[in-house]
Amino acid sequence: MAEQDAQEARFEFSLGADHISFEADETVYPLEALYGAGYLFIEKCFVYLSRPRPQIVDVRLTPRAPAAPGELEALAGEFANELLSQALRLRLSLATGRIREFYTVAALQAAASAPSVDELLAELESQELLEDPLEIMVPWEEKHGAGQGEAEPKRDPDSSEGSGQQ
């Protein structure tokens, strides 16, 4: 008896000359899942949705190029598989919505509490940065004595540069 109470999805395809159609039960496949599957198929075929009666959506697939009956049936089977995939994605999305909201809020709060550039610069200025044990801030001339009493750097005597010789 439990099997009879369970929702079943059975597609009875109606094959036309240039299309294939079937009815989808909205209690099994939500309208959002039908829209998602239809959107993914708009490059392959024209997708027409209509509502012949409450909770039932008629899906009509018309290929963009001529197709044999076997190709139409394969197209409908692919659509049915994608419809199942879309319905599952929708259910997972609904089931995990609170978790996504939690992580989004946590990320936004972390970003809001991060120090600004001005705060980081103020912190650097307040620290003692004058210690220079490796003497990185000392100019080259002071470290190595070059530049004391010399106006120009020494030139290579073998070089013809600046001597007027060619």
N, C-alpha and C. Protein backbone atom coordinates (compact mmCIF):
# COMPACT_ATOMS: atom_id res chain seq x y z
N MET A 1 0.80 -1.19 0.00
CA MET A 1 0.00 0.00 0.00
C MET A 1 0.85 1.25 0.00
N ALA A 2 2.00 1.20 0.66
CA ALA A 2 2.88 2.36 0.70
C ALA A 2 3.36 2.73 -0.70
N GLU A 3 3.54 1.73 -1.55
CA GLU A 3 3.97 1.99 -2.91
C GLU A 3 2.91 2.74 -3.69
N GLN A 4 1.64 2.46 -3.41
CA GLN A 4 0.56 3.14 -4.12
C GLN A 4 0.45 4.59 -3.68
N ASP A 5 0.79 4.89 -2.42
CA ASP A 5 0.71 6.24 -1.91
C ASP A 5 1.89 7.10 -2.37
N ALA A 6 2.98 6.49 -2.72
CA ALA A 6 4.16 7.23 -3.15
C ALA A 6 3.91 7.91 -4.49
N GLN A 7 4.55 9.06 -4.68
CA GLN A 7 4.40 9.78 -5.94
C GLN A 7 5.22 9.08 -7.00
N GLU A 8 4.65 8.93 -8.15
CA GLU A 8 5.34 8.28 -9.26
C GLU A 8 5.43 9.25 -10.42
N ALA A 9 6.52 9.16 -11.13
CA ALA A 9 6.70 9.97 -12.32
C ALA A 9 6.75 9.03 -13.51
N ARG A 10 5.72 9.05 -14.26
CA ARG A 10 5.68 8.25 -15.49
C ARG A 10 5.42 9.18 -16.64
N PHE A 11 6.26 9.06 -17.63
CA PHE A 11 6.09 9.89 -18.82
C PHE A 11 5.54 9.03 -19.93
N GLU A 12 4.44 9.44 -20.45
CA GLU A 12 3.90 8.82 -21.65
C GLU A 12 4.11 9.81 -22.77
N PHE A 13 5.06 9.48 -23.65
CA PHE A 13 5.42 10.39 -24.72
C PHE A 13 4.41 10.31 -25.85
N SER A 14 4.09 11.47 -26.39
CA SER A 14 3.22 11.55 -27.55
C SER A 14 4.08 12.04 -28.71
N LEU A 15 4.27 11.20 -29.69
CA LEU A 15 5.16 11.49 -30.80
C LEU A 15 4.37 12.12 -31.94
N GLY A 16 4.75 13.32 -32.35
CA GLY A 16 4.13 13.99 -33.49
C GLY A 16 5.07 13.94 -34.68
N ALA A 17 4.68 14.58 -35.76
CA ALA A 17 5.49 14.56 -36.98
C ALA A 17 6.82 15.28 -36.77
N ASP A 18 6.80 16.37 -36.03
CA ASP A 18 8.03 17.14 -35.84
C ASP A 18 8.30 17.49 -34.38
N HIS A 19 7.62 16.81 -33.47
CA HIS A 19 7.79 17.11 -32.05
C HIS A 19 7.49 15.88 -31.20
N ILE A 20 7.81 16.00 -29.93
CA ILE A 20 7.43 14.98 -28.96
C ILE A 20 6.94 15.73 -27.73
N SER A 21 5.92 15.22 -27.09
CA SER A 21 5.37 15.91 -25.93
C SER A 21 5.03 14.91 -24.84
N PHE A 22 4.93 15.42 -23.62
CA PHE A 22 4.56 14.61 -22.47
C PHE A 22 4.07 15.53 -21.37
N GLU A 23 3.40 14.96 -20.40
CA GLU A 23 2.90 15.73 -19.27
C GLU A 23 3.79 15.47 -18.06
N ALA A 24 4.06 16.54 -17.31
CA ALA A 24 4.85 16.43 -16.09
C ALA A 24 3.99 16.87 -14.92
N ASP A 25 4.01 16.08 -13.86
CA ASP A 25 3.22 16.35 -12.67
C ASP A 25 4.02 17.29 -11.76
N GLU A 26 3.43 18.45 -11.43
CA GLU A 26 4.13 19.43 -10.59
C GLU A 26 4.31 18.97 -9.15
N THR A 27 3.58 17.98 -8.72
CA THR A 27 3.79 17.47 -7.35
C THR A 27 5.07 16.65 -7.29
N VAL A 28 5.54 16.17 -8.44
CA VAL A 28 6.79 15.42 -8.51
C VAL A 28 7.91 16.32 -9.01
N TYR A 29 7.66 17.08 -10.06
CA TYR A 29 8.64 17.97 -10.67
C TYR A 29 8.17 19.41 -10.52
N PRO A 30 8.76 20.17 -9.61
CA PRO A 30 8.34 21.58 -9.43
C PRO A 30 8.53 22.38 -10.72
N LEU A 31 7.75 23.43 -10.85
CA LEU A 31 7.80 24.27 -12.04
C LEU A 31 9.21 24.85 -12.25
N GLU A 32 9.92 25.17 -11.16
CA GLU A 32 11.28 25.69 -11.28
C GLU A 32 12.21 24.66 -11.93
N ALA A 33 12.01 23.39 -11.64
CA ALA A 33 12.81 22.33 -12.26
C ALA A 33 12.49 22.23 -13.75
N LEU A 34 11.23 22.39 -14.11
CA LEU A 34 10.84 22.38 -15.53
C LEU A 34 11.48 23.56 -16.26
N TYR A 35 11.48 24.72 -15.62
CA TYR A 35 12.13 25.88 -16.23
C TYR A 35 13.63 25.64 -16.40
N GLY A 36 14.28 25.08 -15.39
CA GLY A 36 15.71 24.81 -15.47
C GLY A 36 16.07 23.84 -16.58
N ALA A 37 15.31 22.76 -16.68
CA ALA A 37 15.55 21.78 -17.75
C ALA A 37 15.27 22.40 -19.11
N GLY A 38 14.19 23.15 -19.19
CA GLY A 38 13.85 23.79 -20.46
C GLY A 38 14.93 24.76 -20.90
N TYR A 39 15.47 25.51 -19.96
CA TYR A 39 16.52 26.47 -20.29
C TYR A 39 17.75 25.77 -20.87
N LEU A 40 18.11 24.63 -20.31
CA LEU A 40 19.28 23.90 -20.81
C LEU A 40 19.06 23.29 -22.19
N PHE A 41 17.80 23.16 -22.60
CA PHE A 41 17.50 22.53 -23.88
C PHE A 41 17.17 23.54 -24.98
N ILE A 42 17.22 24.83 -24.70
CA ILE A 42 16.80 25.79 -25.72
C ILE A 42 17.75 25.86 -26.91
N GLU A 43 18.97 25.37 -26.78
CA GLU A 43 19.86 25.34 -27.93
C GLU A 43 19.57 24.13 -28.82
N LYS A 44 19.05 23.06 -28.25
CA LYS A 44 18.77 21.84 -29.01
C LYS A 44 17.40 21.88 -29.68
N CYS A 45 16.44 22.49 -28.98
CA CYS A 45 15.08 22.44 -29.49
C CYS A 45 14.26 23.61 -28.94
N PHE A 46 13.09 23.78 -29.52
CA PHE A 46 12.13 24.74 -28.99
C PHE A 46 11.38 24.03 -27.87
N VAL A 47 11.23 24.70 -26.75
CA VAL A 47 10.57 24.11 -25.59
C VAL A 47 9.30 24.91 -25.33
N TYR A 48 8.19 24.22 -25.35
CA TYR A 48 6.89 24.84 -25.10
C TYR A 48 6.30 24.22 -23.84
N LEU A 49 5.88 25.08 -22.92
CA LEU A 49 5.24 24.61 -21.69
C LEU A 49 3.82 25.17 -21.65
N SER A 50 2.89 24.33 -21.27
CA SER A 50 1.50 24.78 -21.10
C SER A 50 0.89 24.03 -19.93
N ARG A 51 -0.21 24.55 -19.43
CA ARG A 51 -0.88 23.93 -18.28
C ARG A 51 -2.29 23.51 -18.71
N PRO A 52 -2.47 22.24 -19.09
CA PRO A 52 -3.80 21.78 -19.51
C PRO A 52 -4.78 21.67 -18.33
N ARG A 53 -4.25 21.41 -17.15
CA ARG A 53 -5.08 21.32 -15.93
C ARG A 53 -4.20 21.60 -14.72
N PRO A 54 -4.78 21.84 -13.55
CA PRO A 54 -3.98 22.16 -12.36
C PRO A 54 -2.95 21.07 -12.04
N GLN A 55 -1.76 21.52 -11.64
CA GLN A 55 -0.65 20.67 -11.23
C GLN A 55 -0.06 19.81 -12.36
N ILE A 56 -0.47 20.03 -13.58
CA ILE A 56 0.05 19.28 -14.73
C ILE A 56 0.61 20.29 -15.74
N VAL A 57 1.83 20.05 -16.18
CA VAL A 57 2.45 20.90 -17.20
C VAL A 57 2.72 20.04 -18.42
N ASP A 58 2.25 20.51 -19.56
CA ASP A 58 2.49 19.81 -20.82
C ASP A 58 3.79 20.35 -21.40
N VAL A 59 4.72 19.45 -21.71
CA VAL A 59 6.02 19.82 -22.27
C VAL A 59 6.05 19.35 -23.72
N ARG A 60 6.35 20.28 -24.60
CA ARG A 60 6.44 19.94 -26.03
C ARG A 60 7.82 20.35 -26.52
N LEU A 61 8.55 19.38 -27.07
CA LEU A 61 9.91 19.61 -27.57
C LEU A 61 9.90 19.49 -29.08
N THR A 62 10.31 20.55 -29.76
CA THR A 62 10.39 20.56 -31.22
C THR A 62 11.83 20.84 -31.60
N PRO A 63 12.53 19.88 -32.21
CA PRO A 63 13.93 20.08 -32.57
C PRO A 63 14.11 21.23 -33.55
N ARG A 64 15.26 21.87 -33.52
CA ARG A 64 15.54 22.97 -34.42
C ARG A 64 15.82 22.48 -35.84
N ALA A 65 16.24 21.23 -35.96
CA ALA A 65 16.48 20.62 -37.27
C ALA A 65 15.59 19.38 -37.38
N PRO A 66 15.29 18.97 -38.59
CA PRO A 66 14.47 17.76 -38.74
C PRO A 66 15.09 16.57 -38.00
N ALA A 67 14.23 15.76 -37.36
CA ALA A 67 14.72 14.63 -36.57
C ALA A 67 13.83 13.41 -36.82
N ALA A 68 14.47 12.24 -36.77
CA ALA A 68 13.75 10.98 -36.92
C ALA A 68 13.02 10.67 -35.61
N PRO A 69 12.02 9.79 -35.65
CA PRO A 69 11.30 9.44 -34.42
C PRO A 69 12.21 8.95 -33.29
N GLY A 70 13.23 8.17 -33.62
CA GLY A 70 14.16 7.70 -32.60
C GLY A 70 14.92 8.85 -31.94
N GLU A 71 15.27 9.86 -32.73
CA GLU A 71 15.96 11.03 -32.18
C GLU A 71 15.03 11.85 -31.29
N LEU A 72 13.76 11.92 -31.65
CA LEU A 72 12.79 12.63 -30.81
C LEU A 72 12.61 11.93 -29.46
N GLU A 73 12.56 10.61 -29.50
CA GLU A 73 12.43 9.85 -28.25
C GLU A 73 13.67 10.02 -27.38
N ALA A 74 14.84 10.02 -28.01
CA ALA A 74 16.08 10.24 -27.26
C ALA A 74 16.10 11.64 -26.66
N LEU A 75 15.61 12.63 -27.39
CA LEU A 75 15.54 13.99 -26.89
C LEU A 75 14.63 14.08 -25.67
N ALA A 76 13.50 13.42 -25.74
CA ALA A 76 12.57 13.41 -24.61
C ALA A 76 13.19 12.70 -23.40
N GLY A 77 13.91 11.62 -23.64
CA GLY A 77 14.58 10.90 -22.54
C GLY A 77 15.64 11.77 -21.89
N GLU A 78 16.42 12.50 -22.70
CA GLU A 78 17.43 13.41 -22.15
C GLU A 78 16.76 14.51 -21.32
N PHE A 79 15.63 15.01 -21.84
CA PHE A 79 14.92 16.06 -21.10
C PHE A 79 14.41 15.52 -19.77
N ALA A 80 13.88 14.32 -19.77
CA ALA A 80 13.38 13.71 -18.53
C ALA A 80 14.52 13.53 -17.51
N ASN A 81 15.69 13.11 -17.99
CA ASN A 81 16.85 12.97 -17.09
C ASN A 81 17.27 14.33 -16.53
N GLU A 82 17.29 15.35 -17.37
CA GLU A 82 17.66 16.68 -16.91
C GLU A 82 16.61 17.22 -15.94
N LEU A 83 15.37 16.90 -16.18
CA LEU A 83 14.30 17.32 -15.28
C LEU A 83 14.49 16.72 -13.89
N LEU A 84 14.87 15.46 -13.85
CA LEU A 84 15.17 14.81 -12.58
C LEU A 84 16.35 15.48 -11.89
N SER A 85 17.38 15.79 -12.65
CA SER A 85 18.55 16.46 -12.09
C SER A 85 18.19 17.84 -11.53
N GLN A 86 17.39 18.58 -12.26
CA GLN A 86 16.97 19.91 -11.81
C GLN A 86 16.12 19.82 -10.54
N ALA A 87 15.25 18.83 -10.47
CA ALA A 87 14.42 18.66 -9.28
C ALA A 87 15.28 18.34 -8.07
N LEU A 88 16.30 17.51 -8.25
CA LEU A 88 17.20 17.19 -7.15
C LEU A 88 18.00 18.42 -6.72
N ARG A 89 18.50 19.20 -7.67
CA ARG A 89 19.23 20.43 -7.34
C ARG A 89 18.35 21.38 -6.54
N LEU A 90 17.11 21.50 -6.94
CA LEU A 90 16.18 22.38 -6.24
C LEU A 90 15.97 21.90 -4.80
N ARG A 91 15.76 20.62 -4.62
CA ARG A 91 15.57 20.08 -3.27
C ARG A 91 16.81 20.27 -2.40
N LEU A 92 17.99 20.03 -2.98
CA LEU A 92 19.24 20.25 -2.23
C LEU A 92 19.41 21.73 -1.88
N SER A 93 19.06 22.58 -2.81
CA SER A 93 19.16 24.02 -2.56
C SER A 93 18.26 24.43 -1.40
N LEU A 94 17.06 23.91 -1.37
CA LEU A 94 16.13 24.23 -0.29
C LEU A 94 16.62 23.65 1.04
N ALA A 95 17.18 22.45 0.99
CA ALA A 95 17.62 21.78 2.22
C ALA A 95 18.87 22.44 2.81
N THR A 96 19.71 23.04 1.98
CA THR A 96 20.97 23.61 2.47
C THR A 96 20.96 25.13 2.52
N GLY A 97 19.81 25.73 2.33
CA GLY A 97 19.70 27.19 2.31
C GLY A 97 20.19 27.84 3.59
N ARG A 98 19.83 27.29 4.73
CA ARG A 98 20.25 27.89 6.01
C ARG A 98 21.76 27.83 6.19
N ILE A 99 22.38 26.75 5.73
CA ILE A 99 23.83 26.62 5.84
C ILE A 99 24.51 27.69 4.98
N ARG A 100 24.04 27.89 3.75
CA ARG A 100 24.61 28.92 2.89
C ARG A 100 24.44 30.31 3.50
N GLU A 101 23.28 30.56 4.08
CA GLU A 101 23.06 31.85 4.73
C GLU A 101 24.03 32.06 5.89
N PHE A 102 24.26 31.02 6.68
CA PHE A 102 25.18 31.11 7.81
C PHE A 102 26.58 31.47 7.33
N TYR A 103 27.08 30.77 6.31
CA TYR A 103 28.43 31.03 5.82
C TYR A 103 28.54 32.41 5.18
N THR A 104 27.50 32.86 4.52
CA THR A 104 27.52 34.19 3.93
C THR A 104 27.59 35.26 5.00
N VAL A 105 26.78 35.11 6.05
CA VAL A 105 26.80 36.07 7.15
C VAL A 105 28.17 36.06 7.84
N ALA A 106 28.72 34.88 8.08
CA ALA A 106 30.03 34.78 8.73
C ALA A 106 31.11 35.44 7.88
N ALA A 107 31.07 35.26 6.58
CA ALA A 107 32.06 35.87 5.69
C ALA A 107 31.93 37.39 5.69
N LEU A 108 30.71 37.88 5.67
CA LEU A 108 30.49 39.33 5.68
C LEU A 108 30.92 39.95 7.00
N GLN A 109 30.66 39.27 8.10
CA GLN A 109 31.09 39.78 9.40
C GLN A 109 32.61 39.79 9.51
N ALA A 110 33.26 38.77 8.99
CA ALA A 110 34.72 38.72 9.02
C ALA A 110 35.31 39.84 8.18
N ALA A 111 34.70 40.11 7.04
CA ALA A 111 35.19 41.18 6.18
C ALA A 111 34.97 42.55 6.83
N ALA A 112 33.87 42.70 7.55
CA ALA A 112 33.57 43.98 8.20
C ALA A 112 34.51 44.23 9.38
N SER A 113 34.97 43.19 10.03
CA SER A 113 35.83 43.37 11.20
C SER A 113 37.32 43.44 10.85
N ALA A 114 37.67 43.28 9.59
CA ALA A 114 39.06 43.36 9.17
C ALA A 114 39.53 44.81 9.29
N PRO A 115 40.78 45.04 9.72
CA PRO A 115 41.27 46.41 9.87
C PRO A 115 41.38 47.11 8.52
N SER A 116 41.16 48.41 8.51
CA SER A 116 41.27 49.19 7.28
C SER A 116 42.74 49.49 6.99
N VAL A 117 43.01 50.01 5.84
CA VAL A 117 44.38 50.36 5.45
C VAL A 117 44.90 51.46 6.37
N ASP A 118 44.05 52.43 6.71
CA ASP A 118 44.47 53.51 7.59
C ASP A 118 44.85 52.97 8.97
N GLU A 119 44.10 52.01 9.48
CA GLU A 119 44.42 51.42 10.78
C GLU A 119 45.74 50.67 10.73
N LEU A 120 45.98 49.94 9.64
CA LEU A 120 47.25 49.21 9.49
C LEU A 120 48.44 50.18 9.40
N LEU A 121 48.28 51.29 8.67
CA LEU A 121 49.36 52.27 8.57
C LEU A 121 49.62 52.94 9.91
N ALA A 122 48.57 53.25 10.65
CA ALA A 122 48.74 53.85 11.97
C ALA A 122 49.48 52.89 12.91
N GLU A 123 49.17 51.61 12.79
CA GLU A 123 49.86 50.61 13.62
C GLU A 123 51.33 50.54 13.28
N LEU A 124 51.65 50.60 12.00
CA LEU A 124 53.06 50.58 11.58
C LEU A 124 53.80 51.81 12.07
N GLU A 125 53.17 52.96 12.01
CA GLU A 125 53.82 54.19 12.47
C GLU A 125 54.07 54.17 13.97
N SER A 126 53.19 53.52 14.70
CA SER A 126 53.34 53.48 16.15
C SER A 126 54.43 52.51 16.60
N GLN A 127 54.82 51.58 15.75
CA GLN A 127 55.85 50.62 16.13
C GLN A 127 57.23 51.25 15.98
N GLU A 128 58.19 50.72 16.72
CA GLU A 128 59.57 51.20 16.65
C GLU A 128 60.23 50.58 15.43
N LEU A 129 60.37 51.37 14.37
CA LEU A 129 60.96 50.87 13.13
C LEU A 129 62.38 51.40 12.92
N LEU A 130 62.93 52.13 13.91
CA LEU A 130 64.24 52.73 13.72
C LEU A 130 65.38 51.75 13.95
N GLU A 131 65.14 50.62 14.54
CA GLU A 131 66.21 49.63 14.71
C GLU A 131 66.56 49.05 13.35
N ASP A 132 67.87 49.06 13.04
CA ASP A 132 68.33 48.58 11.73
C ASP A 132 69.60 47.76 11.93
N PRO A 133 69.49 46.54 12.51
CA PRO A 133 70.69 45.77 12.80
C PRO A 133 71.47 45.38 11.55
N LEU A 134 70.86 45.27 10.42
CA LEU A 134 71.57 44.91 9.18
C LEU A 134 72.03 46.14 8.41
N GLU A 135 71.79 47.31 8.97
CA GLU A 135 72.15 48.57 8.35
C GLU A 135 71.63 48.71 6.93
N ILE A 136 70.38 48.33 6.77
CA ILE A 136 69.76 48.41 5.44
C ILE A 136 69.48 49.87 5.08
N MET A 137 69.18 50.70 6.08
CA MET A 137 68.84 52.09 5.82
C MET A 137 70.08 52.98 5.63
N VAL A 138 71.28 52.45 5.84
CA VAL A 138 72.51 53.23 5.71
C VAL A 138 72.87 53.30 4.23
N PRO A 139 73.11 54.49 3.68
CA PRO A 139 73.47 54.61 2.27
C PRO A 139 74.80 53.90 1.95
N TRP A 140 74.95 53.49 0.73
CA TRP A 140 76.12 52.75 0.27
C TRP A 140 77.41 53.53 0.53
N GLU A 141 77.38 54.81 0.26
CA GLU A 141 78.58 55.63 0.42
C GLU A 141 79.05 55.65 1.87
N GLU A 142 78.13 55.70 2.81
CA GLU A 142 78.49 55.72 4.22
C GLU A 142 79.05 54.38 4.66
N LYS A 143 78.50 53.29 4.14
CA LYS A 143 78.97 51.95 4.52
C LYS A 143 80.37 51.68 4.01
N HIS A 144 80.67 52.04 2.76
CA HIS A 144 81.89 51.60 2.11
C HIS A 144 82.89 52.71 1.89
N GLY A 145 82.61 53.89 2.35
CA GLY A 145 83.57 54.97 2.26
C GLY A 145 83.69 55.58 0.89
N ALA A 146 83.02 55.11 -0.09
CA ALA A 146 83.08 55.72 -1.41
C ALA A 146 82.38 57.06 -1.35
N GLY A 147 82.86 58.00 -2.12
CA GLY A 147 82.23 59.30 -2.15
C GLY A 147 82.89 60.28 -1.20
N GLN A 148 83.86 59.87 -0.36
CA GLN A 148 84.53 60.78 0.56
C GLN A 148 85.65 61.49 -0.20
N GLY A 149 85.44 62.73 -0.55
CA GLY A 149 86.45 63.52 -1.25
C GLY A 149 86.47 63.27 -2.74
N GLU A 150 85.77 62.35 -3.28
CA GLU A 150 85.76 62.10 -4.72
C GLU A 150 84.53 62.74 -5.33
N ALA A 151 84.74 63.45 -6.41
CA ALA A 151 83.61 64.11 -7.07
C ALA A 151 82.90 63.16 -8.01
N GLU A 152 83.67 62.28 -8.68
CA GLU A 152 83.08 61.35 -9.63
C GLU A 152 83.54 59.94 -9.32
N PRO A 153 82.77 58.95 -9.71
CA PRO A 153 83.24 57.57 -9.54
C PRO A 153 84.43 57.31 -10.45
N LYS A 154 85.30 56.38 -10.06
CA LYS A 154 86.48 56.05 -10.85
C LYS A 154 86.04 55.42 -12.15
N ARG A 155 86.82 55.73 -13.21
CA ARG A 155 86.55 55.17 -14.53
C ARG A 155 87.63 54.15 -14.85
N ASP A 156 87.29 53.22 -15.70
CA ASP A 156 88.22 52.20 -16.15
C ASP A 156 89.22 52.87 -17.11
N PRO A 157 90.54 52.78 -16.84
CA PRO A 157 91.51 53.45 -17.71
C PRO A 157 91.57 52.84 -19.11
N ASP A 158 91.20 51.59 -19.28
CA ASP A 158 91.21 50.95 -20.59
C ASP A 158 90.04 51.35 -21.45
N SER A 159 89.07 51.95 -20.84
CA SER A 159 87.86 52.31 -21.57
C SER A 159 88.13 53.55 -22.39
N SER A 160 87.61 53.59 -23.60
CA SER A 160 87.78 54.75 -24.48
C SER A 160 86.66 55.75 -24.25
N GLU A 161 85.76 55.45 -23.35
CA GLU A 161 84.61 56.29 -23.11
C GLU A 161 85.03 57.58 -22.41
N GLY A 162 84.66 58.69 -22.97
CA GLY A 162 84.91 59.97 -22.34
C GLY A 162 86.31 60.50 -22.58
N SER A 163 87.21 59.82 -23.26
CA SER A 163 88.58 60.29 -23.45
C SER A 163 88.77 60.96 -24.80
N GLY A 164 87.81 60.90 -25.65
CA GLY A 164 87.91 61.51 -26.97
C GLY A 164 88.62 60.62 -27.96
N GLN A 165 89.12 59.45 -27.57
CA GLN A 165 89.81 58.56 -28.49
C GLN A 165 88.82 57.60 -29.13
N GLN A 166 89.15 57.20 -30.33
CA GLN A 166 88.26 56.29 -31.01
C GLN A 166 88.89 54.97 -31.25
